[in-house]
Amino acid sequence: MITEIAGKHYKIITTDAKDIRLDTKLSVPTIFVPANIDVKTLEQFIKNKKTNTAINEEISYVDEPIQLFQQNYILKIIKNSIFPKIIVKNRTISIYCKRNTEYQKQLNKWRKQFVLQQLADLIGYWEEELQILINVIKLRSMQKRLYTIQDRNSITFSNVIICLSISELKYLIFNAIAELLSLNPKIRKHYFPEGQLIQDQIAYTLKTCQQSN
């Protein structure tokens, strides 16, 4: 398949590999991609390849994009940066680090904060809707549960929720708060008439995520 990306034609070939690879030596520039990569990710990949490198910095790209809440993000590593930081723009995560070996530690720390922020935003919606205040939100590794309720105002979520879509996460948070408030089935069904279908979808999503890791 040949498609136009950023004003130029590219041949797209799907492979079993998990990374994206661009070959400009062929008669038609060719991009080798995993089957599940979307057009927006490809567009950002091409734009990133055209980015000029600053003299005092070394820029590289991690071949395999990372997935956060079922959205693909390209990793851009800027080595020899004076101030370590992470900037997210146009589905690209730019990691400024002193040495290339440090970026993974920065990414892990940022990813946890990113997940907690997503949780806080969605919990804020349900706090207003259900007239409740959640004071403490935590994130940690849990083997058997997706969340636990410590007391009236504290919920701890499993790290694996990062595999869910935002809509699935919104339902999971509602479920946790509904359990905390002991909401009756009628109220739960009012907000999510197809709650069981969503639960089944969450189970399938997590199973697929576990198999791919």
N, C-alpha and C. Protein backbone atom coordinates (compact mmCIF):
# COMPACT_ATOMS: atom_id res chain seq x y z
N MET A 1 0.84 -1.18 0.00
CA MET A 1 0.00 0.00 0.00
C MET A 1 0.88 1.25 0.00
N ILE A 2 0.56 2.22 -0.86
CA ILE A 2 1.28 3.49 -0.90
C ILE A 2 0.36 4.59 -0.39
N THR A 3 0.86 5.38 0.53
CA THR A 3 0.06 6.45 1.12
C THR A 3 0.88 7.72 1.23
N GLU A 4 0.20 8.84 1.32
CA GLU A 4 0.88 10.13 1.45
C GLU A 4 0.94 10.54 2.91
N ILE A 5 2.14 10.83 3.39
CA ILE A 5 2.35 11.25 4.77
C ILE A 5 3.23 12.50 4.76
N ALA A 6 2.74 13.57 5.37
CA ALA A 6 3.49 14.83 5.46
C ALA A 6 3.96 15.30 4.08
N GLY A 7 3.07 15.14 3.08
CA GLY A 7 3.37 15.66 1.75
C GLY A 7 4.26 14.78 0.89
N LYS A 8 4.56 13.56 1.32
CA LYS A 8 5.42 12.68 0.55
C LYS A 8 4.82 11.27 0.53
N HIS A 9 5.05 10.54 -0.59
CA HIS A 9 4.49 9.21 -0.73
C HIS A 9 5.43 8.15 -0.15
N TYR A 10 4.82 7.21 0.60
CA TYR A 10 5.57 6.12 1.21
C TYR A 10 4.84 4.81 0.95
N LYS A 11 5.63 3.77 0.80
CA LYS A 11 5.08 2.42 0.69
C LYS A 11 5.02 1.83 2.09
N ILE A 12 3.86 1.31 2.48
CA ILE A 12 3.67 0.75 3.82
C ILE A 12 3.65 -0.77 3.74
N ILE A 13 4.52 -1.40 4.52
CA ILE A 13 4.57 -2.87 4.56
C ILE A 13 4.43 -3.30 6.02
N THR A 14 3.43 -4.13 6.31
CA THR A 14 3.24 -4.62 7.67
C THR A 14 4.13 -5.84 7.92
N THR A 15 4.66 -5.91 9.15
CA THR A 15 5.55 -7.01 9.53
C THR A 15 5.15 -7.55 10.90
N ASP A 16 5.80 -8.63 11.30
CA ASP A 16 5.56 -9.21 12.63
C ASP A 16 6.36 -8.50 13.71
N ALA A 17 7.30 -7.64 13.31
CA ALA A 17 8.13 -6.92 14.28
C ALA A 17 7.29 -5.89 15.03
N LYS A 18 7.78 -5.47 16.21
CA LYS A 18 7.05 -4.50 17.02
C LYS A 18 7.51 -3.07 16.77
N ASP A 19 8.61 -2.89 16.02
CA ASP A 19 9.14 -1.55 15.82
C ASP A 19 8.77 -1.00 14.45
N ILE A 20 8.97 0.33 14.29
CA ILE A 20 8.75 0.99 13.01
C ILE A 20 10.10 1.24 12.37
N ARG A 21 10.24 0.93 11.07
CA ARG A 21 11.53 1.13 10.39
C ARG A 21 11.30 1.80 9.04
N LEU A 22 12.12 2.83 8.77
CA LEU A 22 12.02 3.57 7.52
C LEU A 22 13.24 3.27 6.64
N ASP A 23 12.99 2.87 5.40
CA ASP A 23 14.06 2.60 4.44
C ASP A 23 13.90 3.57 3.26
N THR A 24 14.82 4.53 3.15
CA THR A 24 14.75 5.54 2.09
C THR A 24 15.61 5.17 0.88
N LYS A 25 16.29 4.01 0.93
CA LYS A 25 17.18 3.61 -0.17
C LYS A 25 16.44 2.92 -1.31
N LEU A 26 15.20 2.53 -1.06
CA LEU A 26 14.41 1.87 -2.10
C LEU A 26 13.86 2.90 -3.08
N SER A 27 13.36 2.45 -4.22
CA SER A 27 12.83 3.37 -5.24
C SER A 27 11.70 4.23 -4.67
N VAL A 28 10.87 3.62 -3.83
CA VAL A 28 9.84 4.35 -3.11
C VAL A 28 10.16 4.21 -1.62
N PRO A 29 10.34 5.34 -0.90
CA PRO A 29 10.60 5.24 0.54
C PRO A 29 9.60 4.30 1.21
N THR A 30 10.10 3.35 1.97
CA THR A 30 9.24 2.30 2.53
C THR A 30 9.29 2.31 4.05
N ILE A 31 8.10 2.18 4.66
CA ILE A 31 7.99 2.11 6.11
C ILE A 31 7.51 0.71 6.48
N PHE A 32 8.30 0.02 7.28
CA PHE A 32 7.92 -1.31 7.78
C PHE A 32 7.29 -1.13 9.16
N VAL A 33 6.05 -1.57 9.31
CA VAL A 33 5.30 -1.26 10.54
C VAL A 33 4.58 -2.50 11.07
N PRO A 34 4.31 -2.51 12.41
CA PRO A 34 3.44 -3.55 12.97
C PRO A 34 2.02 -3.36 12.44
N ALA A 35 1.25 -4.40 12.46
CA ALA A 35 -0.09 -4.36 11.86
C ALA A 35 -1.03 -3.40 12.60
N ASN A 36 -0.78 -3.14 13.90
CA ASN A 36 -1.72 -2.34 14.68
C ASN A 36 -1.37 -0.86 14.75
N ILE A 37 -0.37 -0.40 14.00
CA ILE A 37 0.03 1.01 14.04
C ILE A 37 -0.96 1.84 13.23
N ASP A 38 -1.39 2.99 13.81
CA ASP A 38 -2.34 3.85 13.11
C ASP A 38 -1.63 4.94 12.31
N VAL A 39 -2.39 5.64 11.46
CA VAL A 39 -1.81 6.64 10.56
C VAL A 39 -1.19 7.80 11.32
N LYS A 40 -1.83 8.25 12.41
CA LYS A 40 -1.30 9.38 13.16
C LYS A 40 0.09 9.08 13.72
N THR A 41 0.28 7.85 14.18
CA THR A 41 1.59 7.46 14.70
C THR A 41 2.63 7.49 13.60
N LEU A 42 2.26 7.02 12.39
CA LEU A 42 3.18 7.03 11.26
C LEU A 42 3.54 8.46 10.86
N GLU A 43 2.54 9.34 10.84
CA GLU A 43 2.79 10.73 10.48
C GLU A 43 3.78 11.37 11.45
N GLN A 44 3.59 11.10 12.75
CA GLN A 44 4.49 11.68 13.74
C GLN A 44 5.88 11.08 13.62
N PHE A 45 5.97 9.81 13.29
CA PHE A 45 7.26 9.14 13.11
C PHE A 45 8.04 9.80 11.98
N ILE A 46 7.37 10.07 10.85
CA ILE A 46 8.03 10.70 9.70
C ILE A 46 8.46 12.12 10.04
N LYS A 47 7.59 12.87 10.71
CA LYS A 47 7.94 14.24 11.09
C LYS A 47 9.15 14.26 12.01
N ASN A 48 9.20 13.31 12.93
CA ASN A 48 10.32 13.25 13.87
C ASN A 48 11.64 12.94 13.15
N LYS A 49 11.57 12.11 12.12
CA LYS A 49 12.77 11.75 11.37
C LYS A 49 13.36 12.96 10.65
N LYS A 50 12.51 13.97 10.39
CA LYS A 50 12.97 15.16 9.68
C LYS A 50 13.44 16.26 10.63
N THR A 51 13.33 16.04 11.93
CA THR A 51 13.70 17.07 12.90
C THR A 51 15.20 17.33 12.87
N ASN A 52 15.59 18.57 12.87
CA ASN A 52 17.01 18.93 12.91
C ASN A 52 17.59 18.70 14.29
N THR A 53 18.81 18.23 14.36
CA THR A 53 19.48 17.96 15.62
C THR A 53 20.29 19.16 16.07
N ALA A 54 20.10 19.57 17.34
CA ALA A 54 20.88 20.67 17.89
C ALA A 54 22.34 20.27 18.03
N ILE A 55 23.24 21.23 17.92
CA ILE A 55 24.68 20.93 17.92
C ILE A 55 25.12 20.28 19.22
N ASN A 56 24.62 20.77 20.33
CA ASN A 56 25.09 20.27 21.62
C ASN A 56 24.23 19.14 22.18
N GLU A 57 23.32 18.64 21.39
CA GLU A 57 22.47 17.54 21.85
C GLU A 57 22.47 16.41 20.83
N GLU A 58 22.24 15.21 21.33
CA GLU A 58 22.11 14.05 20.46
C GLU A 58 20.68 13.54 20.54
N ILE A 59 20.03 13.46 19.39
CA ILE A 59 18.63 13.03 19.36
C ILE A 59 18.51 11.66 18.72
N SER A 60 17.77 10.81 19.37
CA SER A 60 17.51 9.48 18.81
C SER A 60 16.05 9.11 19.10
N TYR A 61 15.60 8.06 18.43
CA TYR A 61 14.22 7.61 18.61
C TYR A 61 14.20 6.14 18.97
N VAL A 62 13.36 5.80 19.93
CA VAL A 62 13.18 4.40 20.28
C VAL A 62 12.29 3.77 19.22
N ASP A 63 12.74 2.69 18.62
CA ASP A 63 12.03 2.10 17.48
C ASP A 63 10.60 1.70 17.80
N GLU A 64 10.41 1.14 18.99
CA GLU A 64 9.08 0.65 19.34
C GLU A 64 8.31 1.70 20.13
N PRO A 65 7.16 2.16 19.65
CA PRO A 65 6.37 3.14 20.42
C PRO A 65 5.82 2.51 21.69
N ILE A 66 5.55 3.33 22.69
CA ILE A 66 4.93 2.83 23.91
C ILE A 66 3.44 3.13 23.86
N GLN A 67 2.68 2.34 24.57
CA GLN A 67 1.23 2.51 24.56
C GLN A 67 0.76 2.90 25.95
N LEU A 68 0.03 4.01 26.03
CA LEU A 68 -0.55 4.49 27.27
C LEU A 68 -2.05 4.63 27.07
N PHE A 69 -2.82 3.87 27.81
CA PHE A 69 -4.27 3.88 27.68
C PHE A 69 -4.69 3.68 26.21
N GLN A 70 -4.03 2.72 25.57
CA GLN A 70 -4.33 2.28 24.20
C GLN A 70 -4.07 3.37 23.15
N GLN A 71 -3.19 4.30 23.46
CA GLN A 71 -2.73 5.30 22.51
C GLN A 71 -1.23 5.13 22.31
N ASN A 72 -0.78 5.09 21.05
CA ASN A 72 0.64 4.93 20.76
C ASN A 72 1.38 6.27 20.85
N TYR A 73 2.53 6.25 21.51
CA TYR A 73 3.38 7.43 21.62
C TYR A 73 4.80 7.06 21.16
N ILE A 74 5.38 7.92 20.34
CA ILE A 74 6.76 7.73 19.90
C ILE A 74 7.69 8.34 20.94
N LEU A 75 8.78 7.64 21.25
CA LEU A 75 9.76 8.11 22.23
C LEU A 75 10.92 8.80 21.53
N LYS A 76 11.13 10.04 21.88
CA LYS A 76 12.23 10.84 21.35
C LYS A 76 13.21 11.11 22.50
N ILE A 77 14.45 10.66 22.34
CA ILE A 77 15.45 10.80 23.40
C ILE A 77 16.42 11.92 23.03
N ILE A 78 16.52 12.94 23.87
CA ILE A 78 17.46 14.04 23.66
C ILE A 78 18.55 13.92 24.73
N LYS A 79 19.72 13.43 24.30
CA LYS A 79 20.83 13.20 25.22
C LYS A 79 21.69 14.46 25.34
N ASN A 80 22.42 14.55 26.46
CA ASN A 80 23.31 15.69 26.76
C ASN A 80 22.52 16.96 27.05
N SER A 81 21.29 16.81 27.53
CA SER A 81 20.49 17.97 27.88
C SER A 81 20.88 18.50 29.25
N ILE A 82 20.88 19.82 29.40
CA ILE A 82 21.28 20.43 30.68
C ILE A 82 20.21 20.19 31.75
N PHE A 83 18.95 20.33 31.36
CA PHE A 83 17.87 20.19 32.32
C PHE A 83 17.00 18.97 31.96
N PRO A 84 17.08 17.88 32.73
CA PRO A 84 16.25 16.70 32.47
C PRO A 84 14.76 17.05 32.60
N LYS A 85 13.99 16.66 31.60
CA LYS A 85 12.55 16.93 31.62
C LYS A 85 11.88 16.05 30.58
N ILE A 86 10.56 16.01 30.64
CA ILE A 86 9.78 15.26 29.66
C ILE A 86 8.66 16.15 29.14
N ILE A 87 8.54 16.23 27.82
CA ILE A 87 7.51 17.03 27.18
C ILE A 87 6.70 16.13 26.25
N VAL A 88 5.39 16.22 26.34
CA VAL A 88 4.51 15.43 25.48
C VAL A 88 3.80 16.36 24.50
N LYS A 89 3.95 16.09 23.21
CA LYS A 89 3.32 16.92 22.18
C LYS A 89 3.10 16.09 20.92
N ASN A 90 1.89 16.18 20.39
CA ASN A 90 1.56 15.50 19.12
C ASN A 90 1.92 14.01 19.14
N ARG A 91 1.52 13.33 20.21
CA ARG A 91 1.74 11.88 20.32
C ARG A 91 3.22 11.50 20.36
N THR A 92 4.08 12.45 20.74
CA THR A 92 5.50 12.17 20.91
C THR A 92 5.92 12.54 22.32
N ILE A 93 6.62 11.63 22.99
CA ILE A 93 7.16 11.89 24.32
C ILE A 93 8.64 12.21 24.16
N SER A 94 9.01 13.46 24.39
CA SER A 94 10.40 13.89 24.28
C SER A 94 11.05 13.85 25.67
N ILE A 95 12.09 13.02 25.79
CA ILE A 95 12.76 12.84 27.07
C ILE A 95 14.13 13.50 27.01
N TYR A 96 14.31 14.56 27.75
CA TYR A 96 15.59 15.28 27.82
C TYR A 96 16.38 14.70 28.99
N CYS A 97 17.54 14.13 28.71
CA CYS A 97 18.33 13.48 29.76
C CYS A 97 19.82 13.78 29.55
N LYS A 98 20.60 13.61 30.60
CA LYS A 98 22.04 13.87 30.52
C LYS A 98 22.74 12.76 29.75
N ARG A 99 22.32 11.52 30.00
CA ARG A 99 22.90 10.37 29.30
C ARG A 99 21.77 9.47 28.82
N ASN A 100 22.01 8.80 27.72
CA ASN A 100 20.99 7.96 27.11
C ASN A 100 20.51 6.86 28.04
N THR A 101 21.41 6.38 28.91
CA THR A 101 21.06 5.27 29.80
C THR A 101 20.10 5.69 30.90
N GLU A 102 19.89 7.00 31.10
CA GLU A 102 19.04 7.47 32.19
C GLU A 102 17.57 7.62 31.79
N TYR A 103 17.27 7.56 30.50
CA TYR A 103 15.93 7.93 30.06
C TYR A 103 14.86 6.98 30.59
N GLN A 104 15.18 5.68 30.75
CA GLN A 104 14.18 4.72 31.19
C GLN A 104 13.70 5.02 32.60
N LYS A 105 14.62 5.44 33.46
CA LYS A 105 14.27 5.79 34.83
C LYS A 105 13.35 7.01 34.83
N GLN A 106 13.69 8.00 34.02
CA GLN A 106 12.84 9.19 33.89
C GLN A 106 11.47 8.83 33.37
N LEU A 107 11.44 7.97 32.35
CA LEU A 107 10.17 7.58 31.73
C LEU A 107 9.27 6.87 32.72
N ASN A 108 9.82 5.95 33.51
CA ASN A 108 9.03 5.21 34.48
C ASN A 108 8.41 6.14 35.53
N LYS A 109 9.21 7.10 35.98
CA LYS A 109 8.72 8.06 36.98
C LYS A 109 7.62 8.93 36.39
N TRP A 110 7.84 9.40 35.15
CA TRP A 110 6.84 10.24 34.49
C TRP A 110 5.56 9.45 34.20
N ARG A 111 5.73 8.20 33.77
CA ARG A 111 4.56 7.38 33.42
C ARG A 111 3.64 7.21 34.64
N LYS A 112 4.23 7.00 35.80
CA LYS A 112 3.42 6.85 37.02
C LYS A 112 2.65 8.14 37.30
N GLN A 113 3.32 9.28 37.16
CA GLN A 113 2.65 10.56 37.39
C GLN A 113 1.55 10.80 36.35
N PHE A 114 1.81 10.37 35.12
CA PHE A 114 0.83 10.51 34.05
C PHE A 114 -0.43 9.70 34.37
N VAL A 115 -0.24 8.47 34.82
CA VAL A 115 -1.38 7.61 35.17
C VAL A 115 -2.16 8.21 36.34
N LEU A 116 -1.43 8.68 37.36
CA LEU A 116 -2.10 9.27 38.53
C LEU A 116 -2.90 10.51 38.13
N GLN A 117 -2.38 11.28 37.17
CA GLN A 117 -3.11 12.46 36.71
C GLN A 117 -4.38 12.07 35.98
N GLN A 118 -4.30 11.02 35.15
CA GLN A 118 -5.49 10.53 34.46
C GLN A 118 -6.54 10.06 35.47
N LEU A 119 -6.06 9.35 36.49
CA LEU A 119 -6.97 8.89 37.55
C LEU A 119 -7.62 10.08 38.25
N ALA A 120 -6.82 11.07 38.59
CA ALA A 120 -7.34 12.24 39.30
C ALA A 120 -8.40 12.97 38.48
N ASP A 121 -8.15 13.09 37.17
CA ASP A 121 -9.11 13.78 36.30
C ASP A 121 -10.44 13.04 36.24
N LEU A 122 -10.38 11.72 36.08
CA LEU A 122 -11.61 10.93 35.98
C LEU A 122 -12.32 10.82 37.33
N ILE A 123 -11.54 10.68 38.38
CA ILE A 123 -12.14 10.63 39.72
C ILE A 123 -12.83 11.95 40.03
N GLY A 124 -12.22 13.06 39.58
CA GLY A 124 -12.83 14.36 39.79
C GLY A 124 -14.22 14.44 39.17
N TYR A 125 -14.39 13.81 38.01
CA TYR A 125 -15.71 13.78 37.36
C TYR A 125 -16.73 13.06 38.24
N TRP A 126 -16.34 11.88 38.73
CA TRP A 126 -17.27 11.09 39.54
C TRP A 126 -17.48 11.70 40.93
N GLU A 127 -16.48 12.39 41.45
CA GLU A 127 -16.68 13.09 42.73
C GLU A 127 -17.81 14.10 42.63
N GLU A 128 -17.81 14.84 41.54
CA GLU A 128 -18.87 15.85 41.35
C GLU A 128 -20.21 15.18 41.07
N GLU A 129 -20.18 14.13 40.26
CA GLU A 129 -21.42 13.45 39.87
C GLU A 129 -22.08 12.74 41.05
N LEU A 130 -21.27 12.11 41.90
CA LEU A 130 -21.80 11.29 43.00
C LEU A 130 -21.67 11.95 44.36
N GLN A 131 -21.21 13.20 44.37
CA GLN A 131 -21.10 13.97 45.61
C GLN A 131 -20.27 13.25 46.68
N ILE A 132 -19.01 13.00 46.32
CA ILE A 132 -18.08 12.33 47.23
C ILE A 132 -16.70 12.96 47.04
N LEU A 133 -15.86 12.84 48.05
CA LEU A 133 -14.51 13.37 47.96
C LEU A 133 -13.51 12.24 48.24
N ILE A 134 -12.66 11.96 47.26
CA ILE A 134 -11.59 10.96 47.42
C ILE A 134 -10.29 11.72 47.72
N ASN A 135 -9.77 11.54 48.91
CA ASN A 135 -8.58 12.30 49.31
C ASN A 135 -7.26 11.68 48.86
N VAL A 136 -7.23 10.34 48.77
CA VAL A 136 -5.96 9.66 48.48
C VAL A 136 -6.13 8.70 47.30
N ILE A 137 -5.28 8.87 46.29
CA ILE A 137 -5.25 7.96 45.14
C ILE A 137 -3.84 7.39 45.06
N LYS A 138 -3.73 6.06 45.03
CA LYS A 138 -2.42 5.42 44.98
C LYS A 138 -2.35 4.46 43.79
N LEU A 139 -1.13 4.12 43.45
CA LEU A 139 -0.88 3.20 42.33
C LEU A 139 0.21 2.24 42.75
N ARG A 140 -0.04 0.94 42.62
CA ARG A 140 0.99 -0.04 42.96
C ARG A 140 0.72 -1.36 42.25
N SER A 141 1.67 -2.25 42.34
CA SER A 141 1.54 -3.57 41.72
C SER A 141 0.60 -4.44 42.55
N MET A 142 -0.41 -5.01 41.89
CA MET A 142 -1.34 -5.93 42.55
C MET A 142 -1.59 -7.11 41.62
N GLN A 143 -1.55 -8.31 42.14
CA GLN A 143 -1.65 -9.50 41.31
C GLN A 143 -3.08 -9.91 40.99
N LYS A 144 -3.99 -9.74 41.94
CA LYS A 144 -5.32 -10.32 41.76
C LYS A 144 -6.43 -9.29 41.59
N ARG A 145 -6.21 -8.04 42.01
CA ARG A 145 -7.28 -7.05 41.96
C ARG A 145 -6.86 -5.83 41.16
N LEU A 146 -7.85 -5.13 40.61
CA LEU A 146 -7.57 -3.91 39.87
C LEU A 146 -7.59 -2.68 40.78
N TYR A 147 -8.21 -2.83 41.94
CA TYR A 147 -8.21 -1.74 42.92
C TYR A 147 -8.56 -2.28 44.30
N THR A 148 -8.18 -1.54 45.31
CA THR A 148 -8.57 -1.85 46.69
C THR A 148 -8.99 -0.55 47.37
N ILE A 149 -9.92 -0.67 48.31
CA ILE A 149 -10.40 0.48 49.06
C ILE A 149 -9.90 0.36 50.50
N GLN A 150 -9.04 1.31 50.89
CA GLN A 150 -8.45 1.24 52.24
C GLN A 150 -9.41 1.78 53.30
N ASP A 151 -10.01 2.91 53.02
CA ASP A 151 -10.99 3.50 53.93
C ASP A 151 -11.96 4.34 53.12
N ARG A 152 -12.70 5.20 53.80
CA ARG A 152 -13.76 5.98 53.15
C ARG A 152 -13.24 6.88 52.03
N ASN A 153 -12.01 7.32 52.13
CA ASN A 153 -11.52 8.31 51.17
C ASN A 153 -10.22 7.92 50.48
N SER A 154 -9.94 6.64 50.37
CA SER A 154 -8.67 6.21 49.78
C SER A 154 -8.87 5.00 48.87
N ILE A 155 -8.37 5.11 47.63
CA ILE A 155 -8.45 4.00 46.67
C ILE A 155 -7.07 3.78 46.07
N THR A 156 -6.64 2.51 46.04
CA THR A 156 -5.37 2.14 45.41
C THR A 156 -5.67 1.33 44.15
N PHE A 157 -5.07 1.72 43.03
CA PHE A 157 -5.30 1.03 41.76
C PHE A 157 -4.07 0.23 41.35
N SER A 158 -4.30 -0.82 40.59
CA SER A 158 -3.21 -1.65 40.08
C SER A 158 -2.50 -0.95 38.93
N ASN A 159 -1.20 -1.20 38.81
CA ASN A 159 -0.41 -0.64 37.71
C ASN A 159 -0.94 -1.03 36.33
N VAL A 160 -1.62 -2.17 36.24
CA VAL A 160 -2.04 -2.68 34.93
C VAL A 160 -3.14 -1.85 34.29
N ILE A 161 -3.72 -0.90 35.02
CA ILE A 161 -4.80 -0.10 34.43
C ILE A 161 -4.31 0.72 33.25
N ILE A 162 -2.99 0.86 33.11
CA ILE A 162 -2.44 1.62 31.98
C ILE A 162 -2.75 0.93 30.65
N CYS A 163 -3.12 -0.35 30.71
CA CYS A 163 -3.49 -1.10 29.49
C CYS A 163 -4.91 -0.77 29.03
N LEU A 164 -5.72 -0.21 29.91
CA LEU A 164 -7.12 0.04 29.58
C LEU A 164 -7.27 1.28 28.71
N SER A 165 -8.40 1.36 28.03
CA SER A 165 -8.75 2.59 27.33
C SER A 165 -9.31 3.56 28.35
N ILE A 166 -9.42 4.82 27.98
CA ILE A 166 -9.96 5.82 28.90
C ILE A 166 -11.41 5.50 29.27
N SER A 167 -12.18 5.01 28.31
CA SER A 167 -13.58 4.66 28.62
C SER A 167 -13.66 3.49 29.58
N GLU A 168 -12.77 2.52 29.42
CA GLU A 168 -12.75 1.38 30.35
C GLU A 168 -12.30 1.83 31.74
N LEU A 169 -11.33 2.74 31.77
CA LEU A 169 -10.85 3.26 33.05
C LEU A 169 -11.95 4.05 33.76
N LYS A 170 -12.71 4.80 32.99
CA LYS A 170 -13.81 5.58 33.58
C LYS A 170 -14.81 4.66 34.26
N TYR A 171 -15.10 3.53 33.62
CA TYR A 171 -16.03 2.56 34.22
C TYR A 171 -15.42 1.93 35.47
N LEU A 172 -14.13 1.57 35.40
CA LEU A 172 -13.47 0.94 36.55
C LEU A 172 -13.49 1.87 37.76
N ILE A 173 -13.22 3.15 37.55
CA ILE A 173 -13.24 4.12 38.65
C ILE A 173 -14.64 4.24 39.22
N PHE A 174 -15.64 4.28 38.35
CA PHE A 174 -17.03 4.31 38.83
C PHE A 174 -17.33 3.09 39.69
N ASN A 175 -16.87 1.93 39.25
CA ASN A 175 -17.10 0.70 40.00
C ASN A 175 -16.49 0.78 41.39
N ALA A 176 -15.26 1.32 41.47
CA ALA A 176 -14.58 1.44 42.76
C ALA A 176 -15.34 2.38 43.68
N ILE A 177 -15.78 3.51 43.15
CA ILE A 177 -16.52 4.47 43.98
C ILE A 177 -17.89 3.93 44.35
N ALA A 178 -18.52 3.21 43.42
CA ALA A 178 -19.82 2.60 43.70
C ALA A 178 -19.69 1.59 44.83
N GLU A 179 -18.60 0.83 44.83
CA GLU A 179 -18.35 -0.12 45.92
C GLU A 179 -18.12 0.62 47.23
N LEU A 180 -17.37 1.71 47.16
CA LEU A 180 -17.09 2.49 48.36
C LEU A 180 -18.38 3.07 48.95
N LEU A 181 -19.30 3.51 48.08
CA LEU A 181 -20.56 4.12 48.54
C LEU A 181 -21.67 3.09 48.75
N SER A 182 -21.39 1.84 48.37
CA SER A 182 -22.40 0.77 48.43
C SER A 182 -23.64 1.16 47.62
N LEU A 183 -23.41 1.64 46.42
CA LEU A 183 -24.53 2.03 45.56
C LEU A 183 -25.36 0.81 45.17
N ASN A 184 -26.66 0.97 45.13
CA ASN A 184 -27.51 -0.17 44.78
C ASN A 184 -27.44 -0.42 43.27
N PRO A 185 -27.81 -1.63 42.84
CA PRO A 185 -27.70 -2.01 41.42
C PRO A 185 -28.45 -1.08 40.47
N LYS A 186 -29.58 -0.51 40.91
CA LYS A 186 -30.34 0.36 40.03
C LYS A 186 -29.55 1.61 39.66
N ILE A 187 -28.86 2.18 40.64
CA ILE A 187 -28.06 3.38 40.37
C ILE A 187 -26.88 3.02 39.47
N ARG A 188 -26.24 1.90 39.72
CA ARG A 188 -25.12 1.47 38.88
C ARG A 188 -25.58 1.27 37.43
N LYS A 189 -26.75 0.65 37.27
CA LYS A 189 -27.26 0.39 35.92
C LYS A 189 -27.67 1.69 35.23
N HIS A 190 -28.08 2.69 36.01
CA HIS A 190 -28.44 3.98 35.45
C HIS A 190 -27.26 4.61 34.72
N TYR A 191 -26.07 4.51 35.32
CA TYR A 191 -24.88 5.11 34.73
C TYR A 191 -24.26 4.21 33.65
N PHE A 192 -24.34 2.90 33.87
CA PHE A 192 -23.74 1.96 32.91
C PHE A 192 -24.70 0.80 32.66
N PRO A 193 -25.66 0.99 31.75
CA PRO A 193 -26.64 -0.07 31.45
C PRO A 193 -25.97 -1.36 30.96
N GLU A 194 -24.82 -1.22 30.29
CA GLU A 194 -24.13 -2.40 29.75
C GLU A 194 -22.86 -2.68 30.55
N GLY A 195 -22.99 -2.56 31.86
CA GLY A 195 -21.84 -2.74 32.74
C GLY A 195 -21.15 -4.08 32.59
N GLN A 196 -21.91 -5.15 32.44
CA GLN A 196 -21.32 -6.48 32.32
C GLN A 196 -20.50 -6.61 31.05
N LEU A 197 -20.99 -6.02 29.97
CA LEU A 197 -20.23 -6.05 28.72
C LEU A 197 -18.90 -5.32 28.86
N ILE A 198 -18.91 -4.21 29.59
CA ILE A 198 -17.67 -3.45 29.80
C ILE A 198 -16.71 -4.26 30.67
N GLN A 199 -17.23 -4.93 31.69
CA GLN A 199 -16.38 -5.78 32.52
C GLN A 199 -15.73 -6.88 31.69
N ASP A 200 -16.49 -7.46 30.80
CA ASP A 200 -15.94 -8.51 29.92
C ASP A 200 -14.86 -7.93 29.00
N GLN A 201 -15.11 -6.71 28.51
CA GLN A 201 -14.13 -6.06 27.64
C GLN A 201 -12.85 -5.76 28.40
N ILE A 202 -12.97 -5.32 29.64
CA ILE A 202 -11.80 -5.04 30.48
C ILE A 202 -10.98 -6.31 30.69
N ALA A 203 -11.68 -7.42 30.97
CA ALA A 203 -11.00 -8.70 31.17
C ALA A 203 -10.24 -9.12 29.92
N TYR A 204 -10.86 -8.91 28.75
CA TYR A 204 -10.22 -9.26 27.48
C TYR A 204 -9.02 -8.35 27.22
N THR A 205 -9.17 -7.05 27.49
CA THR A 205 -8.08 -6.09 27.29
C THR A 205 -6.87 -6.46 28.14
N LEU A 206 -7.09 -6.78 29.39
CA LEU A 206 -5.99 -7.12 30.28
C LEU A 206 -5.32 -8.42 29.88
N LYS A 207 -6.11 -9.39 29.42
CA LYS A 207 -5.55 -10.67 28.97
C LYS A 207 -4.67 -10.45 27.75
N THR A 208 -5.15 -9.63 26.81
CA THR A 208 -4.37 -9.33 25.60
C THR A 208 -3.10 -8.58 25.93
N CYS A 209 -3.20 -7.65 26.87
CA CYS A 209 -2.04 -6.86 27.28
C CYS A 209 -0.99 -7.74 27.93
N GLN A 210 -1.45 -8.68 28.76
CA GLN A 210 -0.52 -9.59 29.44
C GLN A 210 0.20 -10.49 28.44
N GLN A 211 -0.51 -10.94 27.42
CA GLN A 211 0.09 -11.82 26.41
C GLN A 211 1.12 -11.11 25.55
N SER A 212 0.93 -9.81 25.34
CA SER A 212 1.83 -9.05 24.47
C SER A 212 3.07 -8.56 25.21
N ASN A 213 3.07 -8.62 26.53
CA ASN A 213 4.23 -8.16 27.32
C ASN A 213 5.18 -9.29 27.66
